[in-house]
Amino acid sequence: MFEDVISWENLNALVLREFPALLRDDLIEKIGGFEWEPGPYTIFGTMFNQHIRETVRREVDEQSKIGAFLERMAESGVVNIEELLQLEVLPTLVEDQGTLDAYWPYLGTHTRRLISLIAPRVAPSIVLPT
C-alpha cells in the first residue's frame, strides 16, 4: 500500500482522510467549521487530540493506527511537524499515566524519543514505560 509522504502542506488532508471519525459534526463545530481553512494546530489540537482521548483503552485497532500515524509524523523530518507533535499532540499522550500506558505499545522509536524529551517538562510525574 502506498502511503503519501507527510508534509506540512498536506498534513490536514492526510489526517482527515486516515481518521474519518474526526469529521463528526460536534468536532467540526468545535473548530468553527472548515470555511476558514483551519491549520494543523487547530485540527490536531482540537479534533485529533479529542480522538486520542476518546480512543484510550477502547479501540486497540484505532490506537495502533494512531501510533503508526504519529510515527510517520515523527519521522517526516519536517521541523514544523515535529514542533506540532511536541507542542500540541504528544502532551495529550502524557496527560495521565493510563493514556501513555495504553498507547505506548503502538508508538514507534521516533515518537517515543520525542515523548522522552517532552515528558520531564510537561508531565514530570509520568513514568515512561520500558
N, C-alpha and C. Protein backbone atom coordinates (compact mmCIF):
# COMPACT_ATOMS: atom_id res chain seq x y z
N MET A 1 0.85 -1.18 0.00
CA MET A 1 0.00 0.00 0.00
C MET A 1 0.89 1.24 0.00
N PHE A 2 0.60 2.17 -0.85
CA PHE A 2 1.36 3.40 -0.96
C PHE A 2 0.86 4.40 0.08
N GLU A 3 1.78 4.93 0.87
CA GLU A 3 1.42 5.97 1.84
C GLU A 3 1.95 7.30 1.34
N ASP A 4 1.12 8.32 1.37
CA ASP A 4 1.56 9.64 0.98
C ASP A 4 2.66 10.13 1.91
N VAL A 5 3.62 10.83 1.33
CA VAL A 5 4.65 11.46 2.14
C VAL A 5 3.99 12.60 2.91
N ILE A 6 4.29 12.67 4.19
CA ILE A 6 3.70 13.71 5.02
C ILE A 6 4.49 15.00 4.85
N SER A 7 3.76 16.07 4.60
CA SER A 7 4.36 17.40 4.55
C SER A 7 3.45 18.35 5.33
N TRP A 8 3.95 19.51 5.64
CA TRP A 8 3.14 20.50 6.35
C TRP A 8 1.91 20.86 5.53
N GLU A 9 2.10 20.94 4.22
CA GLU A 9 1.02 21.37 3.32
C GLU A 9 -0.10 20.33 3.21
N ASN A 10 0.21 19.04 3.33
CA ASN A 10 -0.84 18.04 3.16
C ASN A 10 -1.26 17.37 4.48
N LEU A 11 -0.74 17.84 5.59
CA LEU A 11 -0.97 17.19 6.88
C LEU A 11 -2.46 17.13 7.25
N ASN A 12 -3.17 18.22 7.12
CA ASN A 12 -4.60 18.21 7.45
C ASN A 12 -5.37 17.23 6.59
N ALA A 13 -5.12 17.26 5.29
CA ALA A 13 -5.83 16.37 4.37
C ALA A 13 -5.55 14.91 4.71
N LEU A 14 -4.31 14.58 5.04
CA LEU A 14 -3.97 13.19 5.38
C LEU A 14 -4.65 12.73 6.65
N VAL A 15 -4.60 13.54 7.69
CA VAL A 15 -5.20 13.10 8.96
C VAL A 15 -6.71 12.97 8.84
N LEU A 16 -7.34 13.86 8.10
CA LEU A 16 -8.79 13.76 7.93
C LEU A 16 -9.18 12.58 7.06
N ARG A 17 -8.33 12.24 6.09
CA ARG A 17 -8.60 11.07 5.25
C ARG A 17 -8.38 9.78 6.04
N GLU A 18 -7.31 9.73 6.82
CA GLU A 18 -6.97 8.49 7.53
C GLU A 18 -7.81 8.27 8.79
N PHE A 19 -8.40 9.35 9.30
CA PHE A 19 -9.23 9.24 10.50
C PHE A 19 -10.58 9.92 10.25
N PRO A 20 -11.45 9.26 9.49
CA PRO A 20 -12.75 9.87 9.17
C PRO A 20 -13.61 10.16 10.40
N ALA A 21 -13.30 9.54 11.53
CA ALA A 21 -14.06 9.81 12.76
C ALA A 21 -13.89 11.27 13.20
N LEU A 22 -12.85 11.94 12.70
CA LEU A 22 -12.64 13.35 13.04
C LEU A 22 -13.67 14.26 12.39
N LEU A 23 -14.36 13.75 11.41
CA LEU A 23 -15.32 14.58 10.66
C LEU A 23 -16.72 14.55 11.28
N ARG A 24 -16.78 14.25 12.57
CA ARG A 24 -18.07 14.30 13.28
C ARG A 24 -18.52 15.74 13.42
N ASP A 25 -19.82 15.93 13.39
CA ASP A 25 -20.39 17.28 13.48
C ASP A 25 -19.94 18.04 14.72
N ASP A 26 -19.89 17.36 15.88
CA ASP A 26 -19.51 18.06 17.11
C ASP A 26 -18.06 18.55 17.06
N LEU A 27 -17.17 17.79 16.44
CA LEU A 27 -15.78 18.22 16.34
C LEU A 27 -15.62 19.34 15.32
N ILE A 28 -16.36 19.25 14.22
CA ILE A 28 -16.31 20.32 13.21
C ILE A 28 -16.84 21.61 13.81
N GLU A 29 -17.91 21.51 14.58
CA GLU A 29 -18.47 22.69 15.23
C GLU A 29 -17.48 23.28 16.24
N LYS A 30 -16.76 22.41 16.93
CA LYS A 30 -15.79 22.85 17.94
C LYS A 30 -14.70 23.74 17.34
N ILE A 31 -14.33 23.49 16.07
CA ILE A 31 -13.29 24.30 15.43
C ILE A 31 -13.87 25.44 14.60
N GLY A 32 -15.18 25.57 14.61
CA GLY A 32 -15.81 26.66 13.86
C GLY A 32 -15.98 26.35 12.37
N GLY A 33 -16.00 25.08 12.02
CA GLY A 33 -16.19 24.69 10.63
C GLY A 33 -14.91 24.74 9.82
N PHE A 34 -15.04 24.40 8.54
CA PHE A 34 -13.89 24.37 7.65
C PHE A 34 -13.84 25.55 6.68
N GLU A 35 -14.84 26.42 6.74
CA GLU A 35 -14.89 27.55 5.82
C GLU A 35 -13.65 28.44 5.93
N TRP A 36 -13.08 28.55 7.10
CA TRP A 36 -11.94 29.42 7.32
C TRP A 36 -10.60 28.70 7.16
N GLU A 37 -10.61 27.45 6.71
CA GLU A 37 -9.40 26.65 6.48
C GLU A 37 -8.49 26.59 7.70
N PRO A 38 -8.93 25.88 8.73
CA PRO A 38 -8.12 25.78 9.95
C PRO A 38 -6.78 25.10 9.67
N GLY A 39 -5.76 25.53 10.38
CA GLY A 39 -4.42 24.97 10.21
C GLY A 39 -4.22 23.72 11.05
N PRO A 40 -3.04 23.10 10.91
CA PRO A 40 -2.76 21.87 11.65
C PRO A 40 -2.87 22.01 13.17
N TYR A 41 -2.50 23.15 13.73
CA TYR A 41 -2.61 23.28 15.19
C TYR A 41 -4.06 23.19 15.64
N THR A 42 -4.97 23.67 14.84
CA THR A 42 -6.40 23.59 15.18
C THR A 42 -6.91 22.17 14.98
N ILE A 43 -6.60 21.58 13.83
CA ILE A 43 -7.08 20.22 13.55
C ILE A 43 -6.52 19.23 14.57
N PHE A 44 -5.23 19.29 14.83
CA PHE A 44 -4.62 18.34 15.76
C PHE A 44 -4.93 18.69 17.21
N GLY A 45 -4.84 19.97 17.55
CA GLY A 45 -5.04 20.39 18.93
C GLY A 45 -6.45 20.18 19.43
N THR A 46 -7.41 20.28 18.54
CA THR A 46 -8.80 20.12 18.95
C THR A 46 -9.37 18.77 18.54
N MET A 47 -9.36 18.49 17.27
CA MET A 47 -10.02 17.28 16.76
C MET A 47 -9.23 16.00 17.04
N PHE A 48 -7.97 15.97 16.65
CA PHE A 48 -7.17 14.75 16.79
C PHE A 48 -6.93 14.42 18.27
N ASN A 49 -6.63 15.42 19.07
CA ASN A 49 -6.42 15.16 20.49
C ASN A 49 -7.68 14.62 21.15
N GLN A 50 -8.83 15.12 20.77
CA GLN A 50 -10.09 14.59 21.30
C GLN A 50 -10.24 13.11 20.92
N HIS A 51 -9.89 12.80 19.69
CA HIS A 51 -9.96 11.41 19.23
C HIS A 51 -9.01 10.52 20.03
N ILE A 52 -7.81 11.00 20.31
CA ILE A 52 -6.86 10.24 21.13
C ILE A 52 -7.48 9.95 22.49
N ARG A 53 -8.06 10.96 23.12
CA ARG A 53 -8.66 10.78 24.45
C ARG A 53 -9.82 9.79 24.42
N GLU A 54 -10.64 9.87 23.39
CA GLU A 54 -11.82 9.00 23.30
C GLU A 54 -11.46 7.55 22.99
N THR A 55 -10.31 7.33 22.42
CA THR A 55 -9.91 6.00 21.98
C THR A 55 -9.16 5.22 23.05
N VAL A 56 -8.73 5.88 24.11
CA VAL A 56 -7.94 5.23 25.16
C VAL A 56 -8.67 4.01 25.71
N ARG A 57 -7.98 2.89 25.72
CA ARG A 57 -8.45 1.63 26.31
C ARG A 57 -9.75 1.09 25.72
N ARG A 58 -10.15 1.58 24.56
CA ARG A 58 -11.39 1.06 23.98
C ARG A 58 -11.17 0.42 22.62
N GLU A 59 -10.34 1.00 21.82
CA GLU A 59 -10.23 0.55 20.43
C GLU A 59 -8.76 0.33 20.08
N VAL A 60 -8.31 -0.91 20.29
CA VAL A 60 -6.91 -1.25 20.07
C VAL A 60 -6.51 -1.00 18.62
N ASP A 61 -7.35 -1.36 17.67
CA ASP A 61 -7.00 -1.14 16.26
C ASP A 61 -6.80 0.35 15.97
N GLU A 62 -7.64 1.17 16.54
CA GLU A 62 -7.52 2.61 16.33
C GLU A 62 -6.29 3.18 17.04
N GLN A 63 -5.98 2.66 18.21
CA GLN A 63 -4.76 3.08 18.91
C GLN A 63 -3.53 2.74 18.07
N SER A 64 -3.53 1.58 17.48
CA SER A 64 -2.42 1.16 16.63
C SER A 64 -2.30 2.07 15.41
N LYS A 65 -3.42 2.41 14.83
CA LYS A 65 -3.44 3.30 13.66
C LYS A 65 -2.94 4.70 14.05
N ILE A 66 -3.37 5.19 15.20
CA ILE A 66 -2.91 6.50 15.69
C ILE A 66 -1.40 6.45 15.93
N GLY A 67 -0.92 5.39 16.58
CA GLY A 67 0.51 5.26 16.84
C GLY A 67 1.32 5.26 15.55
N ALA A 68 0.84 4.55 14.54
CA ALA A 68 1.55 4.50 13.25
C ALA A 68 1.55 5.87 12.58
N PHE A 69 0.44 6.60 12.67
CA PHE A 69 0.38 7.93 12.06
C PHE A 69 1.32 8.89 12.79
N LEU A 70 1.36 8.82 14.10
CA LEU A 70 2.27 9.68 14.87
C LEU A 70 3.72 9.37 14.51
N GLU A 71 4.02 8.10 14.30
CA GLU A 71 5.39 7.73 13.92
C GLU A 71 5.74 8.28 12.54
N ARG A 72 4.81 8.21 11.61
CA ARG A 72 5.05 8.80 10.28
C ARG A 72 5.32 10.29 10.41
N MET A 73 4.57 10.95 11.27
CA MET A 73 4.81 12.38 11.50
C MET A 73 6.19 12.60 12.10
N ALA A 74 6.55 11.80 13.10
CA ALA A 74 7.83 11.97 13.80
C ALA A 74 9.02 11.71 12.88
N GLU A 75 8.87 10.82 11.93
CA GLU A 75 9.99 10.52 11.03
C GLU A 75 9.97 11.35 9.76
N SER A 76 9.04 12.28 9.66
CA SER A 76 8.90 13.08 8.43
C SER A 76 10.11 13.98 8.16
N GLY A 77 10.82 14.36 9.19
CA GLY A 77 11.95 15.26 9.01
C GLY A 77 11.54 16.71 8.79
N VAL A 78 10.25 17.00 8.95
CA VAL A 78 9.75 18.36 8.77
C VAL A 78 9.70 19.05 10.14
N VAL A 79 10.44 20.12 10.29
CA VAL A 79 10.56 20.80 11.58
C VAL A 79 9.20 21.23 12.11
N ASN A 80 8.34 21.79 11.26
CA ASN A 80 7.02 22.24 11.72
C ASN A 80 6.19 21.08 12.26
N ILE A 81 6.31 19.92 11.65
CA ILE A 81 5.54 18.76 12.10
C ILE A 81 6.09 18.25 13.43
N GLU A 82 7.41 18.23 13.58
CA GLU A 82 7.99 17.81 14.85
C GLU A 82 7.58 18.77 15.97
N GLU A 83 7.55 20.06 15.68
CA GLU A 83 7.11 21.03 16.68
C GLU A 83 5.64 20.84 17.02
N LEU A 84 4.81 20.58 16.02
CA LEU A 84 3.39 20.31 16.26
C LEU A 84 3.23 19.12 17.19
N LEU A 85 3.98 18.07 16.93
CA LEU A 85 3.91 16.89 17.80
C LEU A 85 4.30 17.24 19.23
N GLN A 86 5.42 17.93 19.39
CA GLN A 86 5.92 18.23 20.73
C GLN A 86 5.06 19.22 21.50
N LEU A 87 4.50 20.18 20.81
CA LEU A 87 3.73 21.23 21.48
C LEU A 87 2.26 20.91 21.64
N GLU A 88 1.70 20.17 20.69
CA GLU A 88 0.25 20.03 20.66
C GLU A 88 -0.26 18.61 20.85
N VAL A 89 0.37 17.63 20.22
CA VAL A 89 -0.19 16.27 20.21
C VAL A 89 0.36 15.40 21.33
N LEU A 90 1.67 15.29 21.42
CA LEU A 90 2.25 14.37 22.41
C LEU A 90 1.94 14.73 23.85
N PRO A 91 1.78 16.02 24.20
CA PRO A 91 1.34 16.30 25.58
C PRO A 91 0.01 15.63 25.94
N THR A 92 -0.83 15.37 24.96
CA THR A 92 -2.09 14.67 25.21
C THR A 92 -1.82 13.24 25.67
N LEU A 93 -0.79 12.62 25.11
CA LEU A 93 -0.46 11.25 25.50
C LEU A 93 0.10 11.15 26.91
N VAL A 94 0.65 12.25 27.41
CA VAL A 94 1.23 12.22 28.76
C VAL A 94 0.37 12.98 29.78
N GLU A 95 -0.89 13.22 29.43
CA GLU A 95 -1.80 13.88 30.38
C GLU A 95 -1.99 13.04 31.63
N ASP A 96 -1.99 11.73 31.45
CA ASP A 96 -2.06 10.84 32.61
C ASP A 96 -1.37 9.53 32.26
N GLN A 97 -0.98 8.82 33.28
CA GLN A 97 -0.21 7.57 33.10
C GLN A 97 -1.00 6.54 32.31
N GLY A 98 -2.30 6.45 32.54
CA GLY A 98 -3.12 5.46 31.84
C GLY A 98 -3.15 5.67 30.34
N THR A 99 -3.22 6.93 29.92
CA THR A 99 -3.22 7.22 28.48
C THR A 99 -1.89 6.82 27.86
N LEU A 100 -0.80 7.20 28.49
CA LEU A 100 0.51 6.85 27.96
C LEU A 100 0.69 5.33 27.92
N ASP A 101 0.31 4.65 28.99
CA ASP A 101 0.45 3.19 29.03
C ASP A 101 -0.38 2.51 27.94
N ALA A 102 -1.57 3.05 27.67
CA ALA A 102 -2.44 2.45 26.65
C ALA A 102 -1.85 2.60 25.25
N TYR A 103 -1.22 3.72 24.97
CA TYR A 103 -0.69 3.98 23.63
C TYR A 103 0.75 3.51 23.44
N TRP A 104 1.53 3.39 24.50
CA TRP A 104 2.96 3.10 24.39
C TRP A 104 3.29 1.92 23.47
N PRO A 105 2.57 0.78 23.59
CA PRO A 105 2.92 -0.36 22.72
C PRO A 105 2.80 -0.06 21.22
N TYR A 106 2.05 0.96 20.87
CA TYR A 106 1.79 1.27 19.46
C TYR A 106 2.64 2.43 18.93
N LEU A 107 3.52 2.95 19.77
CA LEU A 107 4.35 4.08 19.37
C LEU A 107 5.70 3.59 18.88
N GLY A 108 6.19 4.20 17.81
CA GLY A 108 7.49 3.84 17.26
C GLY A 108 8.63 4.53 17.97
N THR A 109 9.84 4.22 17.57
CA THR A 109 11.03 4.74 18.25
C THR A 109 11.15 6.26 18.14
N HIS A 110 10.77 6.83 17.00
CA HIS A 110 10.86 8.29 16.84
C HIS A 110 9.87 9.01 17.77
N THR A 111 8.67 8.47 17.85
CA THR A 111 7.64 9.07 18.71
C THR A 111 8.03 8.93 20.17
N ARG A 112 8.52 7.77 20.54
CA ARG A 112 8.95 7.55 21.93
C ARG A 112 10.09 8.50 22.30
N ARG A 113 11.01 8.72 21.37
CA ARG A 113 12.12 9.64 21.65
C ARG A 113 11.58 11.05 21.93
N LEU A 114 10.63 11.51 21.11
CA LEU A 114 10.06 12.84 21.33
C LEU A 114 9.33 12.91 22.66
N ILE A 115 8.62 11.85 23.01
CA ILE A 115 7.93 11.83 24.31
C ILE A 115 8.94 11.91 25.44
N SER A 116 10.05 11.20 25.30
CA SER A 116 11.06 11.23 26.36
C SER A 116 11.67 12.62 26.51
N LEU A 117 11.64 13.42 25.45
CA LEU A 117 12.15 14.79 25.52
C LEU A 117 11.16 15.74 26.20
N ILE A 118 9.86 15.54 25.95
CA ILE A 118 8.88 16.49 26.48
C ILE A 118 8.33 16.09 27.86
N ALA A 119 8.30 14.80 28.17
CA ALA A 119 7.64 14.34 29.39
C ALA A 119 8.20 14.99 30.66
N PRO A 120 9.51 15.09 30.83
CA PRO A 120 10.00 15.71 32.07
C PRO A 120 9.54 17.16 32.24
N ARG A 121 9.31 17.83 31.14
CA ARG A 121 8.91 19.24 31.19
C ARG A 121 7.41 19.40 31.36
N VAL A 122 6.61 18.63 30.62
CA VAL A 122 5.16 18.84 30.63
C VAL A 122 4.42 17.90 31.57
N ALA A 123 5.06 16.79 31.94
CA ALA A 123 4.40 15.82 32.82
C ALA A 123 5.44 15.13 33.70
N PRO A 124 6.04 15.85 34.63
CA PRO A 124 7.14 15.30 35.42
C PRO A 124 6.78 14.07 36.25
N SER A 125 5.51 13.85 36.55
CA SER A 125 5.13 12.70 37.36
C SER A 125 4.92 11.43 36.52
N ILE A 126 4.93 11.56 35.21
CA ILE A 126 4.74 10.42 34.32
C ILE A 126 6.00 9.55 34.32
N VAL A 127 5.77 8.24 34.36
CA VAL A 127 6.87 7.28 34.26
C VAL A 127 6.80 6.66 32.87
N LEU A 128 7.88 6.81 32.11
CA LEU A 128 7.91 6.23 30.77
C LEU A 128 8.02 4.73 30.86
N PRO A 129 7.15 4.00 30.16
CA PRO A 129 7.25 2.54 30.16
C PRO A 129 8.59 2.10 29.55
N THR A 130 9.00 0.90 29.90
CA THR A 130 10.26 0.39 29.34
C THR A 130 10.01 -0.73 28.36
